[in-house]
Protein backbone atom coordinates (compact mmCIF):
# COMPACT_ATOMS: atom_id res chain seq x y z
CA MET A 1 0.07 -0.13 0.00
CA ALA A 2 1.15 3.40 -0.65
CA ALA A 3 0.05 6.95 0.03
CA VAL A 4 -1.00 8.22 -3.54
CA THR A 5 -1.45 11.31 -5.40
CA LEU A 6 -3.05 11.89 -9.01
CA PHE A 7 -1.97 13.88 -11.79
CA LYS A 8 -3.62 14.15 -14.97
CA TYR A 9 -2.35 15.37 -18.38
CA PRO A 10 -3.93 15.50 -21.92
CA VAL A 11 -1.89 13.50 -24.63
CA ALA A 12 -1.49 14.35 -28.18
CA SER A 13 -1.96 10.74 -29.53
CA PRO A 14 -1.49 7.07 -28.15
CA ALA A 15 2.36 7.25 -28.59
CA ASP A 16 2.50 10.41 -26.88
CA SER A 17 4.72 9.79 -23.35
CA SER A 18 5.65 13.74 -22.82
CA PRO A 19 3.46 13.62 -19.50
CA LEU A 20 6.51 11.62 -18.21
CA SER A 21 8.62 14.84 -18.21
CA LYS A 22 5.64 16.93 -16.64
CA LEU A 23 5.61 14.41 -13.88
CA GLN A 24 9.21 14.54 -13.39
CA GLU A 25 8.92 18.35 -13.25
CA GLU A 26 6.73 17.64 -10.50
CA GLY A 27 9.41 15.72 -8.41
CA TYR A 28 8.64 12.36 -9.51
CA SER A 29 10.12 9.56 -11.20
CA PRO A 30 8.56 6.79 -13.13
CA THR A 31 9.42 4.35 -10.19
CA ASP A 32 6.90 6.28 -8.42
CA VAL A 33 4.27 5.10 -10.63
CA VAL A 34 1.62 2.89 -9.15
CA ALA A 35 -0.87 2.94 -12.11
CA LEU A 36 -1.49 4.70 -15.18
CA ILE A 37 -4.70 5.20 -16.65
CA GLY A 38 -5.46 6.58 -20.08
CA LYS A 39 -8.29 7.12 -22.53
CA THR A 40 -7.07 6.77 -25.98
CA GLU A 41 -9.21 7.60 -29.30
CA GLY A 42 -9.46 4.32 -30.78
CA ASN A 43 -13.22 2.46 -31.47
CA GLY A 44 -13.01 1.13 -27.76
CA CYS A 45 -13.97 -2.38 -29.65
CA VAL A 46 -11.91 -5.68 -30.29
CA ASN A 47 -9.76 -3.95 -33.04
CA ASP A 48 -8.68 -1.11 -31.24
CA PHE A 49 -5.21 -0.95 -31.57
CA SER A 50 -4.76 2.53 -30.07
CA ARG A 51 -4.79 0.84 -26.59
CA THR A 52 -2.24 -1.81 -27.58
CA LEU A 53 0.21 1.27 -28.83
CA ALA A 54 -0.34 3.15 -25.86
CA ALA A 55 0.42 0.34 -23.52
CA HIS A 56 3.32 -1.04 -25.80
CA VAL A 57 4.96 2.87 -25.38
CA TRP A 58 3.84 3.28 -21.60
CA GLU A 59 4.87 -0.25 -20.17
CA SER A 60 8.35 -0.06 -20.97
CA LYS A 61 8.93 3.19 -18.92
CA LEU A 62 7.36 2.09 -15.82
CA PRO A 63 8.30 -0.35 -13.11
CA PRO A 64 7.06 -4.03 -13.55
CA SER A 65 5.01 -3.67 -10.27
CA ALA A 66 2.91 -0.62 -12.15
CA VAL A 67 -0.06 -1.45 -13.85
CA THR A 68 -1.52 0.21 -17.15
CA VAL A 69 -5.18 0.48 -17.86
CA PHE A 70 -6.05 2.08 -21.16
CA SER A 71 -9.84 2.48 -22.01
CA GLY A 72 -10.38 3.23 -25.87
CA GLY A 73 -12.97 5.67 -26.87
CA THR A 74 -13.02 9.42 -26.79
CA GLU A 75 -16.51 9.94 -28.41
CA GLY A 76 -18.28 13.02 -28.58
CA VAL A 77 -16.40 15.96 -26.32
CA LEU A 78 -14.11 13.34 -24.46
CA SER A 79 -10.53 13.93 -24.51
CA PRO A 80 -7.42 11.61 -24.70
CA HIS A 81 -5.35 12.05 -21.41
CA ILE A 82 -3.38 10.08 -19.02
CA SER A 83 -3.69 9.83 -15.25
CA PHE A 84 -0.92 9.06 -12.96
CA LEU A 85 -1.32 7.67 -9.45
CA VAL A 86 2.16 8.16 -8.00
CA ARG A 87 3.05 6.98 -4.45
CA THR A 88 4.33 9.90 -2.05
CA LYS A 89 6.00 10.15 1.18
CA GLU A 90 3.54 12.09 3.04
CA SER A 91 -0.06 10.89 3.83
CA THR A 92 -2.61 12.69 1.05
CA GLY A 93 -6.02 10.86 2.16
CA LEU A 94 -5.75 8.19 -0.42
CA VAL A 95 -3.84 4.85 -0.94
CA ALA A 96 -3.67 2.85 -3.56
CA CYS A 97 -2.00 -1.01 -4.50
CA SER A 98 -1.67 -2.35 -7.83
CA GLY A 99 -1.36 -6.18 -8.74
CA HIS A 100 -1.84 -8.67 -12.02
CA THR A 101 -3.62 -12.14 -12.17
CA ARG A 102 -1.89 -14.86 -14.11
CA ASP A 103 -2.23 -15.22 -17.65
CA PHE A 104 -5.52 -16.69 -18.47
CA ALA A 105 -6.06 -19.51 -21.31
CA PRO A 106 -8.41 -18.28 -23.85
CA HIS A 107 -10.98 -21.06 -22.55
CA GLU A 108 -10.63 -19.43 -19.37
CA VAL A 109 -11.49 -15.74 -20.33
CA GLY A 110 -15.14 -14.64 -19.25
CA THR A 111 -15.75 -17.59 -17.04
CA GLU A 112 -15.93 -18.48 -13.34
CA THR A 113 -12.51 -18.82 -13.35
CA GLN A 114 -11.57 -15.89 -14.33
CA SER A 115 -13.71 -14.10 -11.44
CA ARG A 116 -12.33 -16.51 -8.68
CA ASP A 117 -8.53 -15.44 -10.08
CA VAL A 118 -9.83 -11.89 -9.90
CA ALA A 119 -11.07 -12.30 -6.25
CA THR A 120 -8.52 -13.92 -5.04
CA THR A 121 -5.66 -11.48 -6.39
CA ILE A 122 -7.57 -8.45 -4.78
CA SER A 123 -8.07 -10.38 -1.72
CA LYS A 124 -4.62 -10.82 -1.22
CA MET A 125 -3.54 -7.39 -2.52
CA ILE A 126 -5.91 -5.33 0.14
CA ILE A 127 -4.70 -7.73 3.17
CA ASN A 128 -1.26 -7.18 2.01
CA ALA A 129 -1.62 -3.81 1.88
CA GLY A 130 -3.77 -3.42 5.17
CA ILE A 131 -6.76 -2.17 3.48
CA GLU A 132 -10.00 -2.69 4.61
CA LYS A 133 -12.76 -3.84 2.27
CA GLU A 134 -15.44 -0.86 3.24
CA ASP A 135 -12.44 1.64 2.63
CA VAL A 136 -12.20 0.74 -1.16
CA SER A 137 -13.30 3.54 -3.40
CA LEU A 138 -12.80 2.09 -6.81
CA VAL A 139 -11.41 -1.37 -8.26
CA LEU A 140 -10.21 -0.55 -11.69
CA ILE A 141 -9.21 -3.38 -13.83
CA LYS A 142 -8.16 -3.85 -17.47
CA CYS A 143 -8.97 -7.60 -18.92
CA PRO A 144 -8.60 -9.82 -21.59
CA LEU A 145 -10.85 -10.61 -24.45
CA LEU A 146 -11.18 -13.57 -27.13
CA THR A 147 -9.89 -12.87 -30.61
CA SER A 148 -10.78 -14.88 -33.63
CA THR A 149 -7.51 -16.54 -33.27
CA ASP A 150 -8.10 -17.38 -29.57
CA ILE A 151 -11.68 -18.84 -30.47
CA GLU A 152 -10.36 -21.18 -32.86
CA GLN A 153 -7.68 -22.30 -30.43
CA ILE A 154 -10.43 -23.17 -28.17
CA ARG A 155 -12.12 -25.06 -30.38
CA ALA A 156 -9.16 -27.15 -31.89
CA THR A 157 -8.41 -28.30 -28.22
CA GLY A 158 -12.21 -29.55 -28.27
CA GLN A 159 -13.25 -27.02 -25.71
CA THR A 160 -16.63 -24.97 -26.33
CA PRO A 161 -15.75 -20.90 -26.19
CA ILE A 162 -17.89 -18.97 -23.63
CA THR A 163 -18.98 -17.12 -26.97
CA ALA A 164 -18.00 -17.25 -30.63
CA ASP A 165 -18.48 -13.21 -30.74
CA THR A 166 -15.16 -11.64 -30.11
CA TYR A 167 -17.22 -8.55 -29.23
CA GLU A 168 -19.51 -10.28 -26.87
CA SER A 169 -16.04 -11.73 -25.24
CA MET A 170 -15.01 -7.99 -24.14
CA ALA A 171 -18.74 -7.91 -22.24
CA ARG A 172 -18.01 -11.56 -20.82
CA SER A 173 -14.54 -10.49 -19.42
CA ARG A 174 -15.74 -7.17 -17.80
CA TYR A 175 -18.58 -9.29 -16.10
CA ALA A 176 -16.34 -11.94 -14.84
CA SER A 177 -13.93 -9.41 -13.82
CA ALA A 178 -16.68 -7.44 -12.09
CA ILE A 179 -18.15 -10.66 -10.45
CA GLY A 180 -14.67 -11.05 -8.82
CA ILE A 181 -14.39 -7.47 -7.48
CA ALA A 182 -17.76 -8.04 -5.83
CA LEU A 183 -16.75 -11.16 -4.38
CA ALA A 184 -13.49 -9.89 -3.01
CA LEU A 185 -15.29 -6.88 -1.46
CA GLY A 186 -17.67 -9.11 0.15
CA GLU A 187 -20.64 -7.80 -2.02
CA ILE A 188 -21.64 -11.29 -2.89
CA GLN A 189 -21.09 -14.62 -1.42
CA ALA A 190 -18.96 -17.24 -3.13
CA GLU A 191 -22.00 -19.42 -4.17
CA VAL A 192 -23.48 -16.81 -5.90
CA ALA A 193 -20.80 -16.09 -8.34
CA PRO A 194 -21.54 -19.25 -11.07
CA ALA A 195 -25.22 -18.16 -11.36
CA ALA A 196 -24.24 -14.54 -11.64
CA LEU A 197 -22.08 -15.29 -14.60
CA SER A 198 -25.20 -15.53 -16.99
CA LEU A 199 -25.34 -11.94 -18.81
CA LYS A 200 -29.01 -12.54 -19.42
CA GLU A 201 -29.31 -12.22 -15.67
CA ASN A 202 -27.17 -9.43 -14.76
CA THR A 203 -28.68 -8.98 -11.49
CA VAL A 204 -25.22 -8.59 -9.39
CA TRP A 205 -23.31 -5.53 -9.49
CA SER A 206 -20.86 -3.51 -7.66
CA SER A 207 -21.06 0.19 -7.26
CA ARG A 208 -17.06 0.05 -6.98
CA ALA A 209 -16.01 -1.78 -9.99
CA SER A 210 -14.52 -0.27 -13.28
CA CYS A 211 -13.31 -3.16 -15.57
CA SER A 212 -12.35 -2.77 -19.53
CA SER A 213 -11.54 -5.16 -21.97
CA GLY A 214 -8.54 -5.17 -24.50
CA ALA A 215 -6.86 -7.42 -26.90
CA GLU A 216 -3.34 -6.11 -25.60
CA LEU A 217 -3.07 -8.36 -22.77
CA LYS A 218 -3.59 -11.97 -21.32
CA ASN A 219 -4.00 -11.36 -17.88
CA CYS A 220 -5.87 -8.95 -15.64
CA HIS A 221 -4.09 -5.57 -14.59
CA ILE A 222 -5.82 -4.47 -10.86
CA MET A 223 -5.54 -1.05 -9.47
CA VAL A 224 -7.41 -0.76 -5.71
CA LEU A 225 -7.87 2.90 -4.60
CA ALA A 226 -9.23 3.43 -0.73
CA ARG A 227 -9.44 5.83 1.72
CA ASP A 228 -6.60 6.20 4.06
CA LYS A 229 -7.94 6.18 7.58
CA SER A 230 -4.61 6.51 9.24
CA GLY A 231 -3.90 10.10 7.66
CA GLY A 232 -7.13 11.74 8.62
CA LYS A 233 -9.25 13.08 5.77
CA GLY A 234 -6.36 14.49 4.04
CA ARG A 235 -6.37 16.80 1.09
CA LEU A 236 -7.27 14.20 -1.34
CA ARG A 237 -10.55 12.32 -0.94
CA ALA A 238 -12.97 10.17 -3.03
CA LYS A 239 -16.65 9.62 -3.25
CA SER A 240 -18.36 6.58 -4.50
CA GLY A 241 -21.62 5.89 -6.05
CA TYR A 242 -23.54 4.64 -9.20
CA MET A 243 -25.69 6.12 -12.20
CA GLU A 244 -29.06 4.63 -12.10
CA ASP A 245 -29.03 5.53 -15.95
CA ALA A 246 -27.14 6.94 -18.55
CA MET A 247 -29.02 10.33 -17.80
CA ASP A 248 -28.48 10.00 -13.98
CA SER A 249 -27.30 13.80 -13.59
CA LYS A 250 -28.83 13.97 -10.22
CA VAL A 251 -26.41 11.78 -8.43
CA ILE A 252 -23.46 13.45 -10.14
CA LEU A 253 -25.17 17.02 -9.07
CA ASP A 254 -25.41 15.59 -5.53
CA MET A 255 -21.93 14.44 -5.11
CA LEU A 256 -20.56 17.72 -6.95
CA ALA A 257 -22.56 19.52 -3.97
CA ASP A 258 -21.29 17.78 -1.39
CA ILE A 259 -17.68 18.21 -2.81
CA LYS A 260 -18.55 22.12 -3.14
CA GLU A 261 -19.15 22.17 0.89
CA GLU A 262 -15.93 20.78 1.71
CA ASN A 263 -14.56 23.53 -0.85
CA GLY A 264 -13.06 20.94 -2.95
CA LYS A 265 -12.19 20.71 -6.56
CA VAL A 266 -12.53 17.96 -8.78
CA VAL A 267 -9.32 16.30 -9.78
CA GLN A 268 -10.84 13.18 -11.95
CA VAL A 269 -13.88 11.05 -12.50
CA PHE A 270 -14.22 7.63 -13.26
CA VAL A 271 -17.37 6.47 -14.52
CA LYS A 272 -18.99 3.48 -16.35
CA ALA A 273 -21.39 3.91 -19.22
CA GLU A 274 -24.02 1.35 -20.75
CA ALA A 275 -26.63 1.27 -22.95
CA ASP A 276 -29.53 0.15 -20.89
CA PRO A 277 -30.12 -3.54 -22.23
CA THR A 278 -33.80 -3.21 -22.15
CA GLY A 279 -33.82 -1.06 -24.91
CA SER A 280 -35.52 1.70 -23.03
CA ILE A 281 -34.67 5.00 -20.68
CA ARG A 282 -37.07 6.00 -18.05
CA GLY A 283 -39.65 4.64 -20.34
CA LYS A 284 -38.53 5.88 -23.61
CA ARG A 285 -37.05 3.42 -26.47
CA HIS A 286 -33.37 4.16 -27.45
CA THR A 287 -31.53 2.70 -30.35
CA MET A 288 -28.16 2.48 -28.93
CA ASN A 289 -28.30 -1.69 -28.97
CA THR A 290 -30.21 -1.80 -32.67
CA ASP A 291 -27.70 -0.03 -34.46
CA SER A 292 -25.99 -1.56 -36.81
CA ASP A 293 -23.53 0.98 -37.56
CA ILE A 294 -21.89 1.83 -34.37
CA HIS A 295 -21.56 -0.38 -31.32
CA SER A 296 -23.74 0.47 -28.42
CA THR A 297 -20.67 1.17 -25.85
CA ARG A 298 -19.96 4.08 -28.44
CA HIS A 299 -23.02 5.42 -28.13
CA ALA A 300 -23.09 5.05 -24.14
CA ARG A 301 -19.56 6.36 -24.01
CA ALA A 302 -20.56 9.56 -26.03
CA ALA A 303 -23.72 10.14 -23.92
CA VAL A 304 -22.32 9.77 -20.70
CA GLY A 305 -19.27 11.75 -21.35
CA GLY A 306 -21.18 14.79 -22.59
CA LEU A 307 -23.34 14.78 -19.50
CA VAL A 308 -20.36 14.18 -17.19
CA ALA A 309 -17.93 16.62 -18.83
CA GLY A 310 -20.73 19.23 -18.88
CA LEU A 311 -21.40 19.10 -15.16
CA VAL A 312 -17.72 19.18 -14.06
CA GLY A 313 -16.64 21.47 -16.91
CA ASP A 314 -13.60 19.15 -17.84
CA SER A 315 -13.53 16.91 -20.71
CA THR A 316 -10.59 14.83 -19.66
CA VAL A 317 -12.70 12.45 -17.41
CA TYR A 318 -12.16 8.65 -17.62
CA VAL A 319 -15.74 7.48 -19.18
CA SER A 320 -15.57 3.37 -19.77
CA GLY A 321 -17.87 1.79 -22.18
CA GLY A 322 -19.69 -1.43 -21.13
CA GLY A 323 -20.96 -1.52 -17.62
CA GLU A 324 -21.89 -5.29 -16.98
CA GLY A 325 -22.16 -5.62 -13.34
CA GLN A 326 -20.63 -2.46 -12.84
CA GLY A 327 -23.45 -0.35 -11.20
CA PRO A 328 -26.78 -1.42 -11.91
CA PRO A 329 -28.05 -2.24 -15.70
CA GLY A 330 -28.03 0.86 -17.93
CA GLY A 331 -26.37 2.79 -15.12
CA GLY A 332 -22.74 2.54 -14.27
CA SER A 333 -20.20 2.74 -11.37
CA LEU A 334 -19.25 6.49 -10.29
CA CYS A 335 -16.03 7.62 -8.40
CA ILE A 336 -14.96 10.91 -8.02
CA VAL A 337 -11.43 12.16 -6.76
CA TYR A 338 -11.42 15.17 -5.12
CA GLU A 339 -9.09 17.62 -3.67
CA CYS A 340 -9.44 20.24 -0.65
CA GLU A 341 -7.59 22.98 0.74
């Protein structure tokens, strides 16, 4: 566990590593980085190579203990950027730890095996870090997906892939990871996990989970952000909650009002966005799930991204599409990191 602070910088492209020099100007070195979290301007789908490029550029510049989480898709007003979580010598009010699961075989992606490995890894991380489950504000995961090659490899071994649709495999992997988070944080019991993994049910979710899939890795990169009770309130704080649906401005405004009362300033927002699987929002039909030209995750990012950016007055916010198990269906988990004088 390390006391952490957060720095956020815009980037000119997925290959732009210039923020590292800005971080060094702040007095920190690459070895201080606990996690690097970024938004890149690809399509956020299976063939989003902007994530792969960014990961390739950054991972060689950071220590092996650091995790990288790149979420593709900056539709609408969202702006490409990266956020550093770096360890500090003095208490800031927030602590973080990072870790990795083992590599998953293709047939394990999106399954109960992935959920249980994620849960075990997180549990070990927070125990070793001395973090209490109730103090966790956000668990951020980058998880694998299935490519066409992976699906053929599964079939070649006589096994059946969890899905033959590479795009759906992103959702399956996100959901399995979210179930793992819920297990680790004690939000569900172990016996619930197998039944919960049916995407048709999607009744189990965590308001502190944020999961993103990508072809750039075979394991899960995990970052846990939590309140540091040992250092008092501290200058950095985090509020967690969830959006009921893609138009839920009230929960954001309520949180911003609370932050204002503390004379706080928003540093970063982490939010999940999902097209409501029922096909309607507040009784009105939407077409995000039936658009054959643009995937629903792209629609959802644009809608929620515009809402969040407008309310906080900042387009460099982390809005990730596909909210399976990460907040209620059609809504999404929400975490605001802010700074007080």
